[in-house]
């Protein structure tokens, strides 16, 4: 079940992951980290919306 999902997701985003034995473990850790970051940003945005916009504009300037 998971194999079909991961193989179809492979070409979707900017992630170029080599499909090997450790791939699923590393991608799971990456997804969990990404979810944690998004949850953190969501909480901060609810607390102070102006601050999150300032953060995002700073990130775009840096990039």
N, C-alpha and C. Protein backbone atom coordinates (compact mmCIF):
# COMPACT_ATOMS: atom_id res chain seq x y z
N UNK A 1 0.84 -1.20 0.00
CA UNK A 1 0.00 0.00 0.00
C UNK A 1 0.88 1.27 0.00
N UNK A 2 1.85 1.30 0.91
CA UNK A 2 2.71 2.47 1.00
C UNK A 2 3.63 2.58 -0.22
N UNK A 3 3.99 1.44 -0.82
CA UNK A 3 4.90 1.49 -1.96
C UNK A 3 4.28 2.27 -3.11
N UNK A 4 3.00 2.03 -3.40
CA UNK A 4 2.35 2.74 -4.49
C UNK A 4 2.29 4.23 -4.22
N UNK A 5 2.00 4.59 -2.97
CA UNK A 5 1.88 6.01 -2.64
C UNK A 5 3.23 6.70 -2.76
N UNK A 6 4.29 6.07 -2.24
CA UNK A 6 5.59 6.72 -2.28
C UNK A 6 6.12 6.80 -3.70
N UNK A 7 5.86 5.78 -4.52
CA UNK A 7 6.37 5.82 -5.89
C UNK A 7 5.63 6.86 -6.72
N UNK A 8 4.34 7.06 -6.46
CA UNK A 8 3.60 8.08 -7.20
C UNK A 8 3.98 9.47 -6.71
N UNK A 9 4.38 9.60 -5.43
CA UNK A 9 4.73 10.89 -4.88
C UNK A 9 6.14 11.30 -5.29
N UNK A 10 6.93 10.37 -5.81
CA UNK A 10 8.35 10.62 -6.03
C UNK A 10 8.58 11.80 -6.97
N UNK A 11 7.84 11.86 -8.09
CA UNK A 11 8.09 12.91 -9.06
C UNK A 11 7.33 14.19 -8.77
N UNK A 12 6.56 14.22 -7.69
CA UNK A 12 5.66 15.36 -7.46
C UNK A 12 6.38 16.62 -7.02
N UNK A 13 7.03 16.59 -5.85
CA UNK A 13 7.60 17.80 -5.30
C UNK A 13 9.01 18.04 -5.78
N UNK A 14 9.76 18.85 -5.04
CA UNK A 14 11.15 19.11 -5.38
C UNK A 14 12.08 18.07 -4.78
N UNK A 15 11.54 17.03 -4.18
CA UNK A 15 12.38 16.02 -3.55
C UNK A 15 12.83 15.02 -4.61
N UNK A 16 14.14 14.89 -4.77
CA UNK A 16 14.65 13.82 -5.62
C UNK A 16 15.28 12.81 -4.67
N UNK A 17 14.54 11.77 -4.37
CA UNK A 17 14.98 10.79 -3.38
C UNK A 17 15.33 9.50 -4.11
N UNK A 18 16.45 8.92 -3.75
CA UNK A 18 16.81 7.63 -4.32
C UNK A 18 15.96 6.57 -3.65
N UNK A 19 15.30 5.73 -4.48
CA UNK A 19 14.43 4.71 -3.91
C UNK A 19 15.28 3.52 -3.48
N UNK A 20 15.60 3.46 -2.20
CA UNK A 20 16.35 2.31 -1.68
C UNK A 20 15.77 1.92 -0.33
N UNK A 21 16.53 1.12 0.44
CA UNK A 21 15.99 0.60 1.69
C UNK A 21 15.78 1.72 2.71
N UNK A 22 16.70 2.67 2.82
CA UNK A 22 16.59 3.71 3.82
C UNK A 22 15.72 4.87 3.39
N UNK A 23 15.16 4.81 2.19
CA UNK A 23 14.42 5.95 1.66
C UNK A 23 13.17 6.23 2.47
N UNK A 24 12.41 5.17 2.78
CA UNK A 24 11.14 5.38 3.48
C UNK A 24 11.39 5.98 4.87
N UNK A 25 12.43 5.49 5.54
CA UNK A 25 12.70 5.97 6.88
C UNK A 25 13.07 7.45 6.84
N UNK A 26 13.95 7.83 5.91
CA UNK A 26 14.39 9.23 5.85
C UNK A 26 13.26 10.14 5.42
N UNK A 27 12.43 9.69 4.47
CA UNK A 27 11.33 10.54 4.01
C UNK A 27 10.29 10.70 5.12
N UNK A 28 10.10 9.65 5.94
CA UNK A 28 9.16 9.77 7.06
C UNK A 28 9.67 10.80 8.05
N UNK A 29 10.96 10.76 8.36
CA UNK A 29 11.52 11.75 9.27
C UNK A 29 11.40 13.15 8.71
N UNK A 30 11.63 13.28 7.40
CA UNK A 30 11.52 14.58 6.75
C UNK A 30 10.10 15.10 6.83
N UNK A 31 9.13 14.21 6.56
CA UNK A 31 7.72 14.63 6.60
C UNK A 31 7.32 15.06 8.01
N UNK A 32 7.80 14.31 9.02
CA UNK A 32 7.46 14.66 10.40
C UNK A 32 8.06 16.02 10.75
N UNK A 33 9.30 16.26 10.33
CA UNK A 33 9.93 17.55 10.60
C UNK A 33 9.17 18.67 9.90
N UNK A 34 8.75 18.42 8.66
CA UNK A 34 8.02 19.43 7.90
C UNK A 34 6.69 19.74 8.58
N UNK A 35 6.00 18.69 9.05
CA UNK A 35 4.72 18.90 9.74
C UNK A 35 4.93 19.71 11.02
N UNK A 36 6.00 19.41 11.75
CA UNK A 36 6.27 20.15 12.97
C UNK A 36 6.52 21.62 12.69
N UNK A 37 7.30 21.91 11.62
CA UNK A 37 7.57 23.29 11.24
C UNK A 37 6.28 24.00 10.85
N UNK A 38 5.44 23.32 10.05
CA UNK A 38 4.18 23.94 9.63
C UNK A 38 3.27 24.20 10.82
N UNK A 39 3.22 23.25 11.77
CA UNK A 39 2.39 23.45 12.96
C UNK A 39 2.90 24.63 13.78
N UNK A 40 4.23 24.75 13.88
CA UNK A 40 4.81 25.87 14.62
C UNK A 40 4.44 27.19 13.96
N UNK A 41 4.58 27.26 12.63
CA UNK A 41 4.24 28.49 11.92
C UNK A 41 2.75 28.80 12.08
N UNK A 42 1.91 27.76 12.04
CA UNK A 42 0.47 27.97 12.17
C UNK A 42 0.12 28.54 13.54
N UNK A 43 0.74 27.97 14.59
CA UNK A 43 0.49 28.50 15.94
C UNK A 43 0.96 29.95 16.04
N UNK A 44 2.14 30.25 15.52
CA UNK A 44 2.66 31.61 15.59
C UNK A 44 1.77 32.56 14.81
N UNK A 45 1.27 32.12 13.66
CA UNK A 45 0.42 32.98 12.84
C UNK A 45 -0.89 33.28 13.57
N UNK A 46 -1.43 32.29 14.29
CA UNK A 46 -2.67 32.54 15.02
C UNK A 46 -2.41 33.50 16.18
N UNK A 47 -1.24 33.40 16.79
CA UNK A 47 -0.95 34.24 17.94
C UNK A 47 -0.70 35.69 17.49
N UNK A 48 0.14 35.86 16.45
CA UNK A 48 0.46 37.21 15.98
C UNK A 48 0.65 37.17 14.46
N UNK A 49 -0.39 37.48 13.70
CA UNK A 49 -0.35 37.35 12.24
C UNK A 49 0.68 38.27 11.59
N UNK A 50 0.92 39.45 12.14
CA UNK A 50 1.87 40.37 11.51
C UNK A 50 3.29 39.81 11.57
N UNK A 51 3.60 39.15 12.69
CA UNK A 51 4.95 38.62 12.85
C UNK A 51 5.27 37.57 11.80
N UNK A 52 4.30 36.72 11.47
CA UNK A 52 4.55 35.66 10.50
C UNK A 52 4.77 36.23 9.11
N UNK A 53 4.04 37.30 8.79
CA UNK A 53 4.24 37.93 7.49
C UNK A 53 5.63 38.54 7.42
N UNK A 54 6.09 39.12 8.52
CA UNK A 54 7.42 39.70 8.54
C UNK A 54 8.47 38.60 8.36
N UNK A 55 8.26 37.46 9.03
CA UNK A 55 9.18 36.34 8.89
C UNK A 55 9.25 35.87 7.45
N UNK A 56 8.08 35.72 6.81
CA UNK A 56 8.07 35.21 5.44
C UNK A 56 8.75 36.20 4.50
N UNK A 57 8.55 37.51 4.69
CA UNK A 57 9.17 38.49 3.82
C UNK A 57 10.69 38.48 4.02
N UNK A 58 11.14 38.28 5.26
CA UNK A 58 12.58 38.18 5.51
C UNK A 58 13.16 36.97 4.80
N UNK A 59 12.44 35.85 4.85
CA UNK A 59 12.93 34.64 4.20
C UNK A 59 13.02 34.83 2.70
N UNK A 60 12.05 35.53 2.09
CA UNK A 60 12.08 35.74 0.65
C UNK A 60 13.22 36.68 0.28
N UNK A 61 13.52 37.66 1.16
CA UNK A 61 14.64 38.56 0.88
C UNK A 61 15.96 37.80 0.93
N UNK A 62 16.08 36.90 1.93
CA UNK A 62 17.31 36.11 2.05
C UNK A 62 17.48 35.22 0.83
N UNK A 63 16.40 34.60 0.39
CA UNK A 63 16.45 33.71 -0.77
C UNK A 63 16.48 34.55 -2.04
